[in-house]
PDB file of N, CA and C in Angstrom:
ATOM      1  N   MET A   1     115.611  66.556 251.591  1.00  0.00           N
ATOM      2  CA  MET A   1     114.730  65.242 250.330  1.00  0.00           C
ATOM      3  C   MET A   1     115.411  64.985 249.669  1.00  0.00           C
ATOM      4  N   ASP A   2     114.934  64.209 248.479  1.00  0.00           N
ATOM      5  CA  ASP A   2     115.686  64.054 247.377  1.00  0.00           C
ATOM      6  C   ASP A   2     114.642  65.061 246.170  1.00  0.00           C
ATOM      7  N   PRO A   3     115.520  65.796 245.079  1.00  0.00           N
ATOM      8  CA  PRO A   3     114.770  65.953 244.253  1.00  0.00           C
ATOM      9  C   PRO A   3     113.811  65.367 243.600  1.00  0.00           C
ATOM     10  N   LYS A   4     113.813  63.849 243.532  1.00  0.00           N
ATOM     11  CA  LYS A   4     113.117  63.625 242.854  1.00  0.00           C
ATOM     12  C   LYS A   4     111.386  63.118 243.161  1.00  0.00           C
ATOM     13  N   VAL A   5     111.809  62.974 245.143  1.00  0.00           N
ATOM     14  CA  VAL A   5     110.488  63.100 245.515  1.00  0.00           C
ATOM     15  C   VAL A   5     109.754  63.811 246.013  1.00  0.00           C
ATOM     16  N   ALA A   6     110.862  64.951 246.122  1.00  0.00           N
ATOM     17  CA  ALA A   6     110.610  66.385 245.827  1.00  0.00           C
ATOM     18  C   ALA A   6     109.231  67.216 244.474  1.00  0.00           C
ATOM     19  N   GLN A   7     109.988  66.675 243.612  1.00  0.00           N
ATOM     20  CA  GLN A   7     109.311  66.555 241.895  1.00  0.00           C
ATOM     21  C   GLN A   7     107.794  66.136 241.719  1.00  0.00           C
ATOM     22  N   ASP A   8     107.615  64.446 242.691  1.00  0.00           N
ATOM     23  CA  ASP A   8     106.736  63.352 242.768  1.00  0.00           C
ATOM     24  C   ASP A   8     105.922  64.330 243.383  1.00  0.00           C
ATOM     25  N   HIS A   9     106.013  64.588 244.817  1.00  0.00           N
ATOM     26  CA  HIS A   9     105.479  66.007 245.778  1.00  0.00           C
ATOM     27  C   HIS A   9     104.663  66.620 245.066  1.00  0.00           C
ATOM     28  N   ALA A  10     105.630  67.684 244.189  1.00  0.00           N
ATOM     29  CA  ALA A  10     105.082  68.542 243.664  1.00  0.00           C
ATOM     30  C   ALA A  10     103.672  68.741 242.505  1.00  0.00           C
ATOM     31  N   LYS A  11     104.191  67.613 241.633  1.00  0.00           N
ATOM     32  CA  LYS A  11     103.456  66.609 240.664  1.00  0.00           C
ATOM     33  C   LYS A  11     101.756  66.594 241.779  1.00  0.00           C
ATOM     34  N   THR A  12     102.451  65.329 242.711  1.00  0.00           N
ATOM     35  CA  THR A  12     101.091  65.050 243.153  1.00  0.00           C
ATOM     36  C   THR A  12      99.698  66.714 244.200  1.00  0.00           C
ATOM     37  N   VAL A  13     100.653  67.567 244.571  1.00  0.00           N
ATOM     38  CA  VAL A  13     100.389  68.915 244.925  1.00  0.00           C
ATOM     39  C   VAL A  13      99.227  69.375 243.576  1.00  0.00           C
ATOM     40  N   ARG A  14     100.358  69.954 242.443  1.00  0.00           N
ATOM     41  CA  ARG A  14      99.189  70.350 241.330  1.00  0.00           C
ATOM     42  C   ARG A  14      98.475  69.432 241.115  1.00  0.00           C
ATOM     43  N   SER A  15      98.556  68.173 240.982  1.00  0.00           N
ATOM     44  CA  SER A  15      97.533  67.341 240.160  1.00  0.00           C
ATOM     45  C   SER A  15      95.554  67.985 240.893  1.00  0.00           C
ATOM     46  N   ARG A  16      96.367  67.823 242.637  1.00  0.00           N
ATOM     47  CA  ARG A  16      95.125  67.826 243.572  1.00  0.00           C
ATOM     48  C   ARG A  16      95.282  69.209 243.209  1.00  0.00           C
ATOM     49  N   LEU A  17      95.116  70.334 243.086  1.00  0.00           N
ATOM     50  CA  LEU A  17      94.730  71.476 242.569  1.00  0.00           C
ATOM     51  C   LEU A  17      93.827  71.828 241.619  1.00  0.00           C
ATOM     52  N   ASN A  18      94.535  70.587 240.305  1.00  0.00           N
ATOM     53  CA  ASN A  18      93.743  70.013 239.220  1.00  0.00           C
ATOM     54  C   ASN A  18      92.198  69.796 239.786  1.00  0.00           C
ATOM     55  N   ILE A  19      92.467  68.685 240.573  1.00  0.00           N
ATOM     56  CA  ILE A  19      90.850  68.619 240.645  1.00  0.00           C
ATOM     57  C   ILE A  19      89.961  68.903 241.389  1.00  0.00           C
ATOM     58  N   ILE A  20      90.625  69.151 241.853  1.00  0.00           N
ATOM     59  CA  ILE A  20      89.925  70.771 243.460  1.00  0.00           C
ATOM     60  C   ILE A  20      89.081  71.276 242.086  1.00  0.00           C
ATOM     61  N   ARG A  21      89.924  72.197 241.765  1.00  0.00           N
ATOM     62  CA  ARG A  21      90.031  73.505 240.781  1.00  0.00           C
ATOM     63  C   ARG A  21      88.214  72.941 239.951  1.00  0.00           C
ATOM     64  N   GLY A  22      88.633  71.565 239.198  1.00  0.00           N
ATOM     65  CA  GLY A  22      87.957  70.961 238.062  1.00  0.00           C
ATOM     66  C   GLY A  22      86.067  70.744 238.756  1.00  0.00           C
ATOM     67  N   GLY A  23      86.488  70.798 240.737  1.00  0.00           N
ATOM     68  CA  GLY A  23      85.283  69.980 241.618  1.00  0.00           C
ATOM     69  C   GLY A  23      84.663  71.137 241.581  1.00  0.00           C
ATOM     70  N   ILE A  24      85.309  72.712 241.941  1.00  0.00           N
ATOM     71  CA  ILE A  24      84.929  73.643 242.411  1.00  0.00           C
ATOM     72  C   ILE A  24      83.847  73.775 241.201  1.00  0.00           C
ATOM     73  N   LYS A  25      84.646  74.226 239.666  1.00  0.00           N
ATOM     74  CA  LYS A  25      83.404  74.348 238.443  1.00  0.00           C
ATOM     75  C   LYS A  25      83.183  73.654 238.201  1.00  0.00           C
ATOM     76  N   LYS A  26      82.546  72.499 238.550  1.00  0.00           N
ATOM     77  CA  LYS A  26      81.436  70.920 238.522  1.00  0.00           C
ATOM     78  C   LYS A  26      80.374  71.837 239.903  1.00  0.00           C
ATOM     79  N   GLU A  27      80.877  71.686 241.131  1.00  0.00           N
ATOM     80  CA  GLU A  27      80.087  71.468 241.658  1.00  0.00           C
ATOM     81  C   GLU A  27      79.971  72.790 243.092  1.00  0.00           C
ATOM     82  N   LYS A  28      79.017  73.878 242.809  1.00  0.00           N
ATOM     83  CA  LYS A  28      80.086  75.285 243.966  1.00  0.00           C
ATOM     84  C   LYS A  28      79.401  74.850 245.480  1.00  0.00           C
ATOM     85  N   SER A  29      79.011  73.948 245.658  1.00  0.00           N
ATOM     86  CA  SER A  29      78.905  73.961 246.933  1.00  0.00           C
ATOM     87  C   SER A  29      80.157  73.044 247.764  1.00  0.00           C
ATOM     88  N   LEU A  30      80.995  72.792 247.036  1.00  0.00           N
ATOM     89  CA  LEU A  30      81.926  72.427 248.278  1.00  0.00           C
ATOM     90  C   LEU A  30      82.588  72.723 249.202  1.00  0.00           C
ATOM     91  N   LEU A  31      82.848  72.034 249.812  1.00  0.00           N
ATOM     92  CA  LEU A  31      83.555  72.516 251.347  1.00  0.00           C
ATOM     93  C   LEU A  31      84.935  72.795 251.502  1.00  0.00           C
ATOM     94  N   ALA A  32      84.771  73.970 251.919  1.00  0.00           N
ATOM     95  CA  ALA A  32      86.299  74.279 252.251  1.00  0.00           C
ATOM     96  C   ALA A  32      87.510  73.503 252.796  1.00  0.00           C
ATOM     97  N   GLU A  33      86.632  72.792 254.079  1.00  0.00           N
ATOM     98  CA  GLU A  33      86.970  71.923 255.229  1.00  0.00           C
ATOM     99  C   GLU A  33      87.716  70.008 253.827  1.00  0.00           C
ATOM    100  N   LYS A  34      87.059  70.339 253.270  1.00  0.00           N
ATOM    101  CA  LYS A  34      87.652  68.822 252.820  1.00  0.00           C
ATOM    102  C   LYS A  34      88.937  69.424 251.758  1.00  0.00           C
ATOM    103  N   ILE A  35      88.897  70.574 251.049  1.00  0.00           N
ATOM    104  CA  ILE A  35      89.373  70.723 249.866  1.00  0.00           C
ATOM    105  C   ILE A  35      90.753  70.952 250.938  1.00  0.00           C
ATOM    106  N   THR A  36      90.215  71.510 252.340  1.00  0.00           N
ATOM    107  CA  THR A  36      92.057  71.898 253.218  1.00  0.00           C
ATOM    108  C   THR A  36      92.108  70.279 253.832  1.00  0.00           C
ATOM    109  N   ALA A  37      92.115  69.104 253.798  1.00  0.00           N
ATOM    110  CA  ALA A  37      92.116  68.330 254.644  1.00  0.00           C
ATOM    111  C   ALA A  37      92.767  67.809 253.109  1.00  0.00           C
ATOM    112  N   PHE A  38      92.078  67.676 252.223  1.00  0.00           N
ATOM    113  CA  PHE A  38      93.272  66.697 251.149  1.00  0.00           C
ATOM    114  C   PHE A  38      94.001  67.733 251.113  1.00  0.00           C
ATOM    115  N   LEU A  39      94.460  68.897 250.905  1.00  0.00           N
ATOM    116  CA  LEU A  39      95.484  69.286 250.708  1.00  0.00           C
ATOM    117  C   LEU A  39      96.526  68.463 251.636  1.00  0.00           C
ATOM    118  N   VAL A  40      95.748  68.978 252.993  1.00  0.00           N
ATOM    119  CA  VAL A  40      97.613  68.917 254.185  1.00  0.00           C
ATOM    120  C   VAL A  40      97.046  67.481 255.030  1.00  0.00           C
ATOM    121  N   LEU A  41      96.631  66.612 253.966  1.00  0.00           N
ATOM    122  CA  LEU A  41      96.641  65.272 254.090  1.00  0.00           C
ATOM    123  C   LEU A  41      98.549  64.686 254.054  1.00  0.00           C
ATOM    124  N   PRO A  42      98.963  64.402 255.258  1.00  0.00           N
ATOM    125  CA  PRO A  42     100.476  63.885 254.130  1.00  0.00           C
ATOM    126  C   PRO A  42      99.797  62.662 253.495  1.00  0.00           C
ATOM    127  N   LEU A  43     101.610  63.177 252.036  1.00  0.00           N
ATOM    128  CA  LEU A  43     101.223  61.942 251.086  1.00  0.00           C
ATOM    129  C   LEU A  43     101.495  60.785 251.995  1.00  0.00           C
ATOM    130  N   SER A  44     102.648  60.795 253.267  1.00  0.00           N
ATOM    131  CA  SER A  44     102.615  59.072 253.672  1.00  0.00           C
ATOM    132  C   SER A  44     101.135  58.746 254.100  1.00  0.00           C
ATOM    133  N   THR A  45     100.526  59.130 254.478  1.00  0.00           N
ATOM    134  CA  THR A  45      99.159  58.528 254.400  1.00  0.00           C
ATOM    135  C   THR A  45      98.102  58.504 253.372  1.00  0.00           C
ATOM    136  N   ILE A  46      98.694  59.043 252.773  1.00  0.00           N
ATOM    137  CA  ILE A  46      97.849  58.733 251.409  1.00  0.00           C
ATOM    138  C   ILE A  46      98.688  56.893 250.790  1.00  0.00           C
ATOM    139  N   ASP A  47      99.915  57.551 250.696  1.00  0.00           N
ATOM    140  CA  ASP A  47     100.155  55.943 250.256  1.00  0.00           C
ATOM    141  C   ASP A  47     100.109  54.872 250.558  1.00  0.00           C
ATOM    142  N   THR A  48     100.159  54.540 252.377  1.00  0.00           N
ATOM    143  CA  THR A  48      99.148  53.810 252.898  1.00  0.00           C
ATOM    144  C   THR A  48      98.490  53.832 252.553  1.00  0.00           C
ATOM    145  N   ILE A  49      97.556  54.486 252.701  1.00  0.00           N
ATOM    146  CA  ILE A  49      96.086  54.015 252.493  1.00  0.00           C
ATOM    147  C   ILE A  49      95.626  53.335 250.613  1.00  0.00           C
ATOM    148  N   ASN A  50      96.848  53.813 250.045  1.00  0.00           N
ATOM    149  CA  ASN A  50      96.910  53.376 248.621  1.00  0.00           C
ATOM    150  C   ASN A  50      97.250  52.189 248.901  1.00  0.00           C
ATOM    151  N   LYS A  51      98.722  51.242 249.594  1.00  0.00           N
ATOM    152  CA  LYS A  51      98.527  50.098 249.305  1.00  0.00           C
ATOM    153  C   LYS A  51      98.022  49.176 249.972  1.00  0.00           C
ATOM    154  N   GLN A  52      96.940  50.281 251.338  1.00  0.00           N
ATOM    155  CA  GLN A  52      96.004  49.235 251.337  1.00  0.00           C
ATOM    156  C   GLN A  52      95.096  48.516 250.935  1.00  0.00           C
ATOM    157  N   ILE A  53      94.360  49.907 250.139  1.00  0.00           N
ATOM    158  CA  ILE A  53      93.392  49.636 248.758  1.00  0.00           C
ATOM    159  C   ILE A  53      93.842  48.715 248.110  1.00  0.00           C
ATOM    160  N   ILE A  54      95.084  48.649 247.386  1.00  0.00           N
ATOM    161  CA  ILE A  54      95.553  47.771 246.317  1.00  0.00           C
ATOM    162  C   ILE A  54      95.899  46.160 247.313  1.00  0.00           C
ATOM    163  N   LYS A  55      96.315  45.866 248.295  1.00  0.00           N
ATOM    164  CA  LYS A  55      96.399  44.552 249.340  1.00  0.00           C
ATOM    165  C   LYS A  55      94.833  43.687 249.596  1.00  0.00           C
ATOM    166  N   SER A  56      94.397  45.251 249.673  1.00  0.00           N
ATOM    167  CA  SER A  56      91.858  44.505 249.609  1.00  0.00           C
ATOM    168  C   SER A  56      91.853  44.351 248.408  1.00  0.00           C
ATOM    169  N   SER A  57      92.614  44.831 247.060  1.00  0.00           N
ATOM    170  CA  SER A  57      91.794  44.193 245.965  1.00  0.00           C
ATOM    171  C   SER A  57      92.296  43.418 245.278  1.00  0.00           C
ATOM    172  N   ARG A  58      93.809  43.211 245.550  1.00  0.00           N
ATOM    173  CA  ARG A  58      94.053  41.705 244.829  1.00  0.00           C
ATOM    174  C   ARG A  58      94.022  40.578 245.447  1.00  0.00           C
ATOM    175  N   SER A  59      93.517  41.267 247.261  1.00  0.00           N
ATOM    176  CA  SER A  59      92.901  39.728 248.389  1.00  0.00           C
ATOM    177  C   SER A  59      91.628  39.453 247.540  1.00  0.00           C
ATOM    178  N   SER A  60      90.885  40.054 246.931  1.00  0.00           N
ATOM    179  CA  SER A  60      89.536  40.096 247.231  1.00  0.00           C
ATOM    180  C   SER A  60      89.478  38.867 245.228  1.00  0.00           C
TER     181      SER A  60
END
């Protein structure tokens, strides 16, 4: 893995963990399945989703 890619991946994982921590503090009923899915969803899938969102927002 390219060091830059690894670094970006680490940043993404860290930011996700921070989001989750914040969510848990705000809402104690946050489901563990949602957290797990959020963490294990591959970055490539997230990139694809982001690209779709960008495409649809540009076309509208």
